C-alpha atoms as a PDB file:
ATOM      1  CA  MET A   1     -31.108 123.146 109.915  1.00  0.00           C
ATOM      2  CA  ALA A   2     -34.383 121.689 111.192  1.00  0.00           C
ATOM      3  CA  GLN A   3     -37.202 121.175 108.743  1.00  0.00           C
ATOM      4  CA  ALA A   4     -40.712 122.385 109.440  1.00  0.00           C
ATOM      5  CA  PRO A   5     -43.251 119.616 109.956  1.00  0.00           C
ATOM      6  CA  SER A   6     -45.092 118.912 106.721  1.00  0.00           C
ATOM      7  CA  SER A   7     -48.451 119.676 108.360  1.00  0.00           C
ATOM      8  CA  VAL A   8     -47.273 123.220 109.155  1.00  0.00           C
ATOM      9  CA  VAL A   9     -45.957 123.764 105.642  1.00  0.00           C
ATOM     10  CA  SER A  10     -49.144 122.310 104.194  1.00  0.00           C
ATOM     11  CA  SER A  11     -51.364 124.617 106.259  1.00  0.00           C
ATOM     12  CA  LEU A  12     -49.301 127.639 105.222  1.00  0.00           C
ATOM     13  CA  CYS A  13     -49.549 126.794 101.552  1.00  0.00           C
ATOM     14  CA  LYS A  14     -53.296 126.186 101.528  1.00  0.00           C
ATOM     15  CA  ARG A  15     -54.389 129.488 103.042  1.00  0.00           C
ATOM     16  CA  PRO A  16     -56.066 131.734 100.452  1.00  0.00           C
ATOM     17  CA  LEU A  17     -54.509 135.094  99.668  1.00  0.00           C
ATOM     18  CA  VAL A  18     -57.088 137.861  99.236  1.00  0.00           C
ATOM     19  CA  ALA A  19     -56.188 141.295  97.878  1.00  0.00           C
ATOM     20  CA  VAL A  20     -58.011 144.244  99.404  1.00  0.00           C
ATOM     21  CA  ILE A  21     -57.643 147.214  97.089  1.00  0.00           C
ATOM     22  CA  GLY A  22     -58.903 150.785  97.098  1.00  0.00           C
ATOM     23  CA  ASP A  23     -58.161 154.419  97.792  1.00  0.00           C
ATOM     24  CA  GLY A  24     -54.680 155.366  98.947  1.00  0.00           C
ATOM     25  CA  ASP A  25     -56.133 158.452 100.609  1.00  0.00           C
ATOM     26  CA  LEU A  26     -59.357 158.040 102.524  1.00  0.00           C
ATOM     27  CA  ASP A  27     -61.949 160.612 101.557  1.00  0.00           C
ATOM     28  CA  HIS A  28     -64.733 158.902 103.473  1.00  0.00           C
ATOM     29  CA  VAL A  29     -64.665 157.616 107.084  1.00  0.00           C
ATOM     30  CA  ARG A  30     -66.886 154.659 106.220  1.00  0.00           C
ATOM     31  CA  LYS A  31     -64.286 153.329 103.753  1.00  0.00           C
ATOM     32  CA  ALA A  32     -61.790 152.858 106.586  1.00  0.00           C
ATOM     33  CA  GLU A  33     -64.393 151.107 108.731  1.00  0.00           C
ATOM     34  CA  VAL A  34     -65.444 148.770 105.924  1.00  0.00           C
ATOM     35  CA  ALA A  35     -61.860 147.980 104.874  1.00  0.00           C
ATOM     36  CA  GLU A  36     -60.934 147.227 108.482  1.00  0.00           C
ATOM     37  CA  GLN A  37     -63.947 144.910 108.885  1.00  0.00           C
ATOM     38  CA  ILE A  38     -63.063 143.128 105.653  1.00  0.00           C
ATOM     39  CA  GLY A  39     -59.431 142.620 106.698  1.00  0.00           C
ATOM     40  CA  ARG A  40     -60.429 141.253 110.099  1.00  0.00           C
ATOM     41  CA  GLY A  41     -63.097 139.000 108.613  1.00  0.00           C
ATOM     42  CA  LEU A  42     -60.707 137.550 106.061  1.00  0.00           C
ATOM     43  CA  VAL A  43     -58.134 136.557 108.684  1.00  0.00           C
ATOM     44  CA  ASP A  44     -60.937 135.260 110.930  1.00  0.00           C
ATOM     45  CA  ALA A  45     -61.922 133.028 107.992  1.00  0.00           C
ATOM     46  CA  GLY A  46     -58.370 131.685 107.593  1.00  0.00           C
ATOM     47  CA  CYS A  47     -57.166 133.904 104.752  1.00  0.00           C
ATOM     48  CA  ARG A  48     -54.118 136.091 104.343  1.00  0.00           C
ATOM     49  CA  VAL A  49     -54.552 139.716 103.252  1.00  0.00           C
ATOM     50  CA  VAL A  50     -52.406 141.454 100.639  1.00  0.00           C
ATOM     51  CA  THR A  51     -52.552 145.152  99.802  1.00  0.00           C
ATOM     52  CA  GLY A  52     -50.360 147.756  98.175  1.00  0.00           C
ATOM     53  CA  GLY A  53     -49.031 148.384 101.684  1.00  0.00           C
ATOM     54  CA  LEU A  54     -49.470 152.140 101.826  1.00  0.00           C
ATOM     55  CA  GLY A  55     -52.211 154.267 103.448  1.00  0.00           C
ATOM     56  CA  GLY A  56     -55.959 154.575 103.069  1.00  0.00           C
ATOM     57  CA  VAL A  57     -57.908 151.390 102.360  1.00  0.00           C
ATOM     58  CA  MET A  58     -54.636 149.436 102.233  1.00  0.00           C
ATOM     59  CA  GLU A  59     -53.691 150.439 105.772  1.00  0.00           C
ATOM     60  CA  ALA A  60     -57.211 149.986 107.157  1.00  0.00           C
ATOM     61  CA  ALA A  61     -57.494 146.451 105.725  1.00  0.00           C
ATOM     62  CA  LEU A  62     -54.146 145.397 107.185  1.00  0.00           C
ATOM     63  CA  ARG A  63     -54.992 147.028 110.535  1.00  0.00           C
ATOM     64  CA  GLY A  64     -58.210 145.010 110.672  1.00  0.00           C
ATOM     65  CA  ALA A  65     -56.401 141.822 109.664  1.00  0.00           C
ATOM     66  CA  ALA A  66     -53.787 142.339 112.384  1.00  0.00           C
ATOM     67  CA  ALA A  67     -56.570 142.869 114.945  1.00  0.00           C
ATOM     68  CA  SER A  68     -58.109 139.452 114.260  1.00  0.00           C
ATOM     69  CA  ARG A  69     -57.851 136.924 117.086  1.00  0.00           C
ATOM     70  CA  ALA A  70     -56.819 134.414 114.420  1.00  0.00           C
ATOM     71  CA  PHE A  71     -53.903 136.590 113.221  1.00  0.00           C
ATOM     72  CA  ARG A  72     -50.546 134.914 112.701  1.00  0.00           C
ATOM     73  CA  ASP A  73     -47.315 136.513 111.601  1.00  0.00           C
ATOM     74  CA  GLY A  74     -47.339 136.496 107.808  1.00  0.00           C
ATOM     75  CA  ASP A  75     -51.083 137.118 107.467  1.00  0.00           C
ATOM     76  CA  THR A  76     -50.607 140.721 106.286  1.00  0.00           C
ATOM     77  CA  LEU A  77     -48.610 141.315 103.112  1.00  0.00           C
ATOM     78  CA  ALA A  78     -47.619 144.617 101.534  1.00  0.00           C
ATOM     79  CA  LEU A  79     -46.593 144.718  97.870  1.00  0.00           C
ATOM     80  CA  LEU A  80     -45.178 148.217  97.682  1.00  0.00           C
ATOM     81  CA  PRO A  81     -45.019 150.126  94.403  1.00  0.00           C
ATOM     82  CA  GLY A  82     -41.681 151.674  95.393  1.00  0.00           C
ATOM     83  CA  ALA A  83     -38.312 150.267  96.383  1.00  0.00           C
ATOM     84  CA  ASP A  84     -38.242 151.539  99.989  1.00  0.00           C
ATOM     85  CA  PRO A  85     -39.524 149.011 102.560  1.00  0.00           C
ATOM     86  CA  ALA A  86     -39.884 151.831 105.107  1.00  0.00           C
ATOM     87  CA  ALA A  87     -42.841 153.154 103.072  1.00  0.00           C
ATOM     88  CA  ALA A  88     -45.047 150.260 104.248  1.00  0.00           C
ATOM     89  CA  ASN A  89     -47.684 150.885 106.866  1.00  0.00           C
ATOM     90  CA  ARG A  90     -46.986 149.384 110.288  1.00  0.00           C
ATOM     91  CA  TRP A  91     -49.590 146.613 109.972  1.00  0.00           C
ATOM     92  CA  ALA A  92     -47.726 144.704 107.251  1.00  0.00           C
ATOM     93  CA  SER A  93     -45.940 141.628 108.608  1.00  0.00           C
ATOM     94  CA  ILE A  94     -44.371 140.854 105.224  1.00  0.00           C
ATOM     95  CA  VAL A  95     -43.138 143.756 103.099  1.00  0.00           C
ATOM     96  CA  ILE A  96     -42.088 143.349  99.472  1.00  0.00           C
ATOM     97  CA  PRO A  97     -40.799 146.591  97.945  1.00  0.00           C
ATOM     98  CA  THR A  98     -41.297 145.848  94.238  1.00  0.00           C
ATOM     99  CA  GLY A  99     -39.980 149.055  92.693  1.00  0.00           C
ATOM    100  CA  LEU A 100     -42.542 148.467  89.928  1.00  0.00           C
ATOM    101  CA  GLY A 101     -44.737 151.547  90.399  1.00  0.00           C
ATOM    102  CA  HIS A 102     -48.239 150.970  89.035  1.00  0.00           C
ATOM    103  CA  HIS A 103     -47.014 147.818  87.297  1.00  0.00           C
ATOM    104  CA  ARG A 104     -47.207 146.108  90.685  1.00  0.00           C
ATOM    105  CA  ASN A 105     -51.009 146.323  90.373  1.00  0.00           C
ATOM    106  CA  GLY A 106     -50.783 143.184  88.281  1.00  0.00           C
ATOM    107  CA  VAL A 107     -48.940 141.418  91.083  1.00  0.00           C
ATOM    108  CA  VAL A 108     -51.561 142.429  93.664  1.00  0.00           C
ATOM    109  CA  ALA A 109     -54.310 141.208  91.345  1.00  0.00           C
ATOM    110  CA  ALA A 110     -52.712 137.747  91.203  1.00  0.00           C
ATOM    111  CA  ALA A 111     -54.299 136.925  94.584  1.00  0.00           C
ATOM    112  CA  ASP A 112     -56.872 134.137  94.926  1.00  0.00           C
ATOM    113  CA  ALA A 113     -59.648 136.736  95.246  1.00  0.00           C
ATOM    114  CA  VAL A 114     -59.957 140.526  95.133  1.00  0.00           C
ATOM    115  CA  VAL A 115     -62.110 142.899  97.202  1.00  0.00           C
ATOM    116  CA  ALA A 116     -62.322 146.525  96.015  1.00  0.00           C
ATOM    117  CA  VAL A 117     -63.317 149.360  98.362  1.00  0.00           C
ATOM    118  CA  GLY A 118     -63.842 152.608  96.454  1.00  0.00           C
ATOM    119  CA  GLY A 119     -60.779 153.578  94.499  1.00  0.00           C
ATOM    120  CA  GLY A 120     -59.874 155.317  91.303  1.00  0.00           C
ATOM    121  CA  ALA A 121     -57.896 154.473  88.187  1.00  0.00           C
ATOM    122  CA  GLY A 122     -55.231 152.434  90.014  1.00  0.00           C
ATOM    123  CA  THR A 123     -57.857 150.304  91.743  1.00  0.00           C
ATOM    124  CA  LEU A 124     -59.718 149.901  88.470  1.00  0.00           C
ATOM    125  CA  SER A 125     -56.519 148.617  86.835  1.00  0.00           C
ATOM    126  CA  GLU A 126     -56.106 146.034  89.616  1.00  0.00           C
ATOM    127  CA  VAL A 127     -59.688 144.831  89.067  1.00  0.00           C
ATOM    128  CA  ALA A 128     -59.035 144.618  85.321  1.00  0.00           C
ATOM    129  CA  PHE A 129     -55.857 142.561  85.820  1.00  0.00           C
ATOM    130  CA  ALA A 130     -57.682 140.231  88.198  1.00  0.00           C
ATOM    131  CA  TRP A 131     -60.507 139.826  85.693  1.00  0.00           C
ATOM    132  CA  VAL A 132     -58.225 139.111  82.736  1.00  0.00           C
ATOM    133  CA  TRP A 133     -56.305 136.533  84.764  1.00  0.00           C
ATOM    134  CA  GLY A 134     -59.492 134.754  85.812  1.00  0.00           C
ATOM    135  CA  ARG A 135     -59.257 135.483  89.526  1.00  0.00           C
ATOM    136  CA  ALA A 136     -62.526 134.785  91.246  1.00  0.00           C
ATOM    137  CA  PRO A 137     -64.263 136.079  93.066  1.00  0.00           C
ATOM    138  CA  ILE A 138     -63.902 139.778  92.461  1.00  0.00           C
ATOM    139  CA  VAL A 139     -66.073 141.653  94.936  1.00  0.00           C
ATOM    140  CA  VAL A 140     -66.712 145.388  94.933  1.00  0.00           C
ATOM    141  CA  VAL A 141     -68.137 147.314  97.865  1.00  0.00           C
ATOM    142  CA  THR A 142     -71.081 149.500  96.939  1.00  0.00           C
ATOM    143  CA  GLY A 143     -72.614 152.399  98.823  1.00  0.00           C
ATOM    144  CA  LEU A 144     -69.273 154.210  99.061  1.00  0.00           C
ATOM    145  CA  PRO A 145     -67.665 156.764  96.744  1.00  0.00           C
ATOM    146  CA  GLY A 146     -65.265 155.369  94.171  1.00  0.00           C
ATOM    147  CA  VAL A 147     -65.119 154.080  90.645  1.00  0.00           C
ATOM    148  CA  THR A 148     -65.275 150.346  91.385  1.00  0.00           C
ATOM    149  CA  ALA A 149     -68.791 150.383  92.899  1.00  0.00           C
ATOM    150  CA  SER A 150     -70.147 150.992  89.402  1.00  0.00           C
ATOM    151  CA  LEU A 151     -68.855 147.535  88.407  1.00  0.00           C
ATOM    152  CA  ALA A 152     -71.181 145.678  90.799  1.00  0.00           C
ATOM    153  CA  GLY A 153     -73.330 143.248  88.869  1.00  0.00           C
ATOM    154  CA  GLN A 154     -71.806 144.253  85.536  1.00  0.00           C
ATOM    155  CA  ARG A 155     -71.011 141.508  83.091  1.00  0.00           C
ATOM    156  CA  LEU A 156     -67.431 141.461  81.877  1.00  0.00           C
ATOM    157  CA  ASP A 157     -66.632 138.845  79.273  1.00  0.00           C
ATOM    158  CA  GLY A 158     -69.723 136.841  80.210  1.00  0.00           C
ATOM    159  CA  ALA A 159     -69.497 136.779  84.021  1.00  0.00           C
ATOM    160  CA  ALA A 160     -70.730 139.215  86.642  1.00  0.00           C
ATOM    161  CA  VAL A 161     -68.690 141.101  89.232  1.00  0.00           C
ATOM    162  CA  GLY A 162     -69.957 140.374  92.753  1.00  0.00           C
ATOM    163  CA  ALA A 163     -71.127 143.073  95.126  1.00  0.00           C
ATOM    164  CA  TYR A 164     -70.949 143.636  98.851  1.00  0.00           C
ATOM    165  CA  TYR A 165     -73.304 146.283 100.123  1.00  0.00           C
ATOM    166  CA  SER A 166     -71.944 148.411 102.943  1.00  0.00           C
END
């Protein structure tokens, strides 16, 4: 079997993985627009995007990432809470059905950075895991409904959560 050139492997390994987290059901049109812009911008900047792989913010972020001119297969990852890979939205190029339920929130939060768009208790748990594990930056989008916007600028254990104003 042929080996991949080391430069290709090296470039794959060095690309940051950014989790985009938020509402599974969109209750606000602007959330979809913002999540899509974030996904596209991340891939444009050379990052990969990971989400929970379902609908809402997760789907919008992966749709935006897949629409980037810089998109490559493998740039959109879905870490599903269930065991059925068919549950993933169509924009995920890599699907990992964890079967972990909400416990997979800790896996999503292990990304190099986290961006939260709205969300509720599940999204809040992902932010908390990311914070405890020292993932930086953690950015929350403000100006949209959802629990995570209230974290913008708050100090948790001595450091502030960043904010992106939509």
